[in-house]
Amino acid sequence: MAIQLGRIEMFVDSHKLLEFEVIDLDNLAGASVRWKLSKSVSSEAAIVKTDIDGISIDGNKFTVTVKPADNKELKPGMYYHEARVTDSEGNTKPVAYGPVVMIDTLTSSE
């Protein structure tokens, strides 16, 4: 499973769709996907999404849906994200990771 790198920018208290493609798997059928956002590798996750709650899978692609309620309390600044796939045979590894810049806004979702 190939790893995708890249900086993500996300506004606090806002929706964000994060789309990923796993290039060396034709289909994620039977696989599970987890995505986490945290300040560092050793800190507790600020946002956690799974294929049961917040991640949709289509073929070899998956989309993480972040809602305003998920990131409303986050402080602006640098975070890190990681997506991990576990295939139907139990093989698991990160498929995407990188920095996330949380940007403050003048307006709110309410």
C-alpha atoms as a PDB file:
ATOM      1  CA  MET A   1       0.000   0.000   0.000  1.00  0.00           C
ATOM      2  CA  ALA A   2       1.584   3.240  -1.114  1.00  0.00           C
ATOM      3  CA  ILE A   3       1.861   6.208   1.234  1.00  0.00           C
ATOM      4  CA  GLN A   4       0.502   9.591   0.190  1.00  0.00           C
ATOM      5  CA  LEU A   5       2.168  12.657   1.632  1.00  0.00           C
ATOM      6  CA  GLY A   6       0.924  16.167   1.535  1.00  0.00           C
ATOM      7  CA  ARG A   7       0.015  19.187   3.574  1.00  0.00           C
ATOM      8  CA  ILE A   8      -3.667  19.693   4.327  1.00  0.00           C
ATOM      9  CA  GLU A   9      -5.225  23.024   5.266  1.00  0.00           C
ATOM     10  CA  MET A  10      -8.445  22.936   7.264  1.00  0.00           C
ATOM     11  CA  PHE A  11     -10.515  25.753   8.758  1.00  0.00           C
ATOM     12  CA  VAL A  12     -11.564  25.461  12.401  1.00  0.00           C
ATOM     13  CA  ASP A  13     -15.338  24.896  12.838  1.00  0.00           C
ATOM     14  CA  SER A  14     -15.793  23.910   9.173  1.00  0.00           C
ATOM     15  CA  HIS A  15     -16.559  20.932   6.926  1.00  0.00           C
ATOM     16  CA  LYS A  16     -13.692  19.253   5.088  1.00  0.00           C
ATOM     17  CA  LEU A  17     -13.675  16.231   2.764  1.00  0.00           C
ATOM     18  CA  LEU A  18     -10.314  14.480   2.565  1.00  0.00           C
ATOM     19  CA  GLU A  19     -10.014  12.140  -0.405  1.00  0.00           C
ATOM     20  CA  PHE A  20      -7.379   9.406  -0.608  1.00  0.00           C
ATOM     21  CA  GLU A  21      -6.520   6.744  -3.163  1.00  0.00           C
ATOM     22  CA  VAL A  22      -4.706   3.533  -2.259  1.00  0.00           C
ATOM     23  CA  ILE A  23      -2.733   2.941  -5.444  1.00  0.00           C
ATOM     24  CA  ASP A  24      -1.550  -0.603  -4.932  1.00  0.00           C
ATOM     25  CA  LEU A  25      -4.960  -2.071  -4.038  1.00  0.00           C
ATOM     26  CA  ASP A  26      -7.701  -2.338  -6.641  1.00  0.00           C
ATOM     27  CA  ASN A  27     -10.459  -2.584  -4.080  1.00  0.00           C
ATOM     28  CA  LEU A  28     -10.809  -1.912  -0.361  1.00  0.00           C
ATOM     29  CA  ALA A  29     -13.726  -4.351  -0.054  1.00  0.00           C
ATOM     30  CA  GLY A  30     -13.388  -6.169   3.254  1.00  0.00           C
ATOM     31  CA  ALA A  31     -10.767  -3.696   4.493  1.00  0.00           C
ATOM     32  CA  SER A  32     -11.061  -1.326   7.422  1.00  0.00           C
ATOM     33  CA  VAL A  33      -9.816   2.264   7.403  1.00  0.00           C
ATOM     34  CA  ARG A  34      -8.932   4.535  10.332  1.00  0.00           C
ATOM     35  CA  TRP A  35      -7.899   8.191  10.189  1.00  0.00           C
ATOM     36  CA  LYS A  36      -6.552  10.255  13.073  1.00  0.00           C
ATOM     37  CA  LEU A  37      -5.516  13.856  13.625  1.00  0.00           C
ATOM     38  CA  SER A  38      -3.306  14.881  16.556  1.00  0.00           C
ATOM     39  CA  LYS A  39      -0.752  17.492  17.617  1.00  0.00           C
ATOM     40  CA  SER A  40       2.038  14.874  17.551  1.00  0.00           C
ATOM     41  CA  VAL A  41       2.631  11.139  17.289  1.00  0.00           C
ATOM     42  CA  SER A  42       2.724  10.857  21.080  1.00  0.00           C
ATOM     43  CA  SER A  43      -0.351  13.001  21.843  1.00  0.00           C
ATOM     44  CA  GLU A  44      -3.949  11.837  22.102  1.00  0.00           C
ATOM     45  CA  ALA A  45      -5.926  11.995  18.866  1.00  0.00           C
ATOM     46  CA  ALA A  46      -8.017  15.163  18.488  1.00  0.00           C
ATOM     47  CA  ILE A  47     -10.186  13.585  15.755  1.00  0.00           C
ATOM     48  CA  VAL A  48     -10.705   9.894  14.965  1.00  0.00           C
ATOM     49  CA  LYS A  49     -12.675   8.600  11.967  1.00  0.00           C
ATOM     50  CA  THR A  50     -13.328   5.006  10.899  1.00  0.00           C
ATOM     51  CA  ASP A  51     -15.056   3.265   8.034  1.00  0.00           C
ATOM     52  CA  ILE A  52     -17.980   2.817  10.454  1.00  0.00           C
ATOM     53  CA  ASP A  53     -18.140   6.507  11.403  1.00  0.00           C
ATOM     54  CA  GLY A  54     -16.968   9.218   9.012  1.00  0.00           C
ATOM     55  CA  ILE A  55     -15.118   7.349   6.259  1.00  0.00           C
ATOM     56  CA  SER A  56     -16.738   6.170   3.032  1.00  0.00           C
ATOM     57  CA  ILE A  57     -15.041   3.650   0.744  1.00  0.00           C
ATOM     58  CA  ASP A  58     -15.445   3.389  -3.032  1.00  0.00           C
ATOM     59  CA  GLY A  59     -13.203   0.905  -4.833  1.00  0.00           C
ATOM     60  CA  ASN A  60      -9.625   1.778  -3.915  1.00  0.00           C
ATOM     61  CA  LYS A  61     -10.532   5.282  -2.720  1.00  0.00           C
ATOM     62  CA  PHE A  62     -11.809   6.521   0.612  1.00  0.00           C
ATOM     63  CA  THR A  63     -13.132   9.853   1.805  1.00  0.00           C
ATOM     64  CA  VAL A  64     -12.836  11.168   5.352  1.00  0.00           C
ATOM     65  CA  THR A  65     -15.642  13.550   6.321  1.00  0.00           C
ATOM     66  CA  VAL A  66     -14.704  16.116   8.970  1.00  0.00           C
ATOM     67  CA  LYS A  67     -17.631  18.107  10.345  1.00  0.00           C
ATOM     68  CA  PRO A  68     -17.577  21.435  12.209  1.00  0.00           C
ATOM     69  CA  ALA A  69     -18.333  19.633  15.487  1.00  0.00           C
ATOM     70  CA  ASP A  70     -15.169  17.548  14.985  1.00  0.00           C
ATOM     71  CA  ASN A  71     -12.762  20.479  14.779  1.00  0.00           C
ATOM     72  CA  LYS A  72     -14.664  23.316  16.469  1.00  0.00           C
ATOM     73  CA  GLU A  73     -12.580  23.167  19.673  1.00  0.00           C
ATOM     74  CA  LEU A  74      -9.184  22.796  17.984  1.00  0.00           C
ATOM     75  CA  LYS A  75      -6.699  25.614  18.317  1.00  0.00           C
ATOM     76  CA  PRO A  76      -5.169  27.022  15.129  1.00  0.00           C
ATOM     77  CA  GLY A  77      -1.741  25.647  14.358  1.00  0.00           C
ATOM     78  CA  MET A  78       0.093  22.576  13.130  1.00  0.00           C
ATOM     79  CA  TYR A  79      -1.316  19.061  13.532  1.00  0.00           C
ATOM     80  CA  TYR A  80      -0.520  15.728  11.919  1.00  0.00           C
ATOM     81  CA  HIS A  81      -2.784  13.145  10.296  1.00  0.00           C
ATOM     82  CA  GLU A  82      -2.467   9.475   9.451  1.00  0.00           C
ATOM     83  CA  ALA A  83      -4.727   7.053   7.606  1.00  0.00           C
ATOM     84  CA  ARG A  84      -4.259   3.319   8.151  1.00  0.00           C
ATOM     85  CA  VAL A  85      -5.774   0.486   6.121  1.00  0.00           C
ATOM     86  CA  THR A  86      -6.150  -3.077   7.351  1.00  0.00           C
ATOM     87  CA  ASP A  87      -6.908  -5.378   4.435  1.00  0.00           C
ATOM     88  CA  SER A  88      -9.172  -8.430   4.472  1.00  0.00           C
ATOM     89  CA  GLU A  89      -6.174 -10.656   5.331  1.00  0.00           C
ATOM     90  CA  GLY A  90      -5.238  -8.564   8.388  1.00  0.00           C
ATOM     91  CA  ASN A  91      -2.255  -6.803   6.793  1.00  0.00           C
ATOM     92  CA  THR A  92      -2.092  -3.254   8.078  1.00  0.00           C
ATOM     93  CA  LYS A  93      -0.050  -0.119   7.402  1.00  0.00           C
ATOM     94  CA  PRO A  94      -0.335   3.639   7.056  1.00  0.00           C
ATOM     95  CA  VAL A  95      -1.391   4.752   3.587  1.00  0.00           C
ATOM     96  CA  ALA A  96      -1.360   8.524   4.096  1.00  0.00           C
ATOM     97  CA  TYR A  97       0.182  10.928   6.553  1.00  0.00           C
ATOM     98  CA  GLY A  98       1.393  14.475   6.776  1.00  0.00           C
ATOM     99  CA  PRO A  99       0.944  17.892   8.326  1.00  0.00           C
ATOM    100  CA  VAL A 100      -2.414  19.595   8.781  1.00  0.00           C
ATOM    101  CA  VAL A 101      -2.620  23.335   9.304  1.00  0.00           C
ATOM    102  CA  MET A 102      -5.698  24.360  11.277  1.00  0.00           C
ATOM    103  CA  ILE A 103      -6.665  27.902  10.311  1.00  0.00           C
ATOM    104  CA  ASP A 104      -8.812  30.154  12.523  1.00  0.00           C
ATOM    105  CA  THR A 105     -11.900  31.848  11.083  1.00  0.00           C
ATOM    106  CA  LEU A 106     -13.736  35.092  11.745  1.00  0.00           C
ATOM    107  CA  THR A 107     -17.127  33.402  11.402  1.00  0.00           C
ATOM    108  CA  SER A 108     -18.656  30.294  12.964  1.00  0.00           C
ATOM    109  CA  SER A 109     -20.837  27.466  11.679  1.00  0.00           C
ATOM    110  CA  GLU A 110     -23.717  28.487  13.962  1.00  0.00           C
END
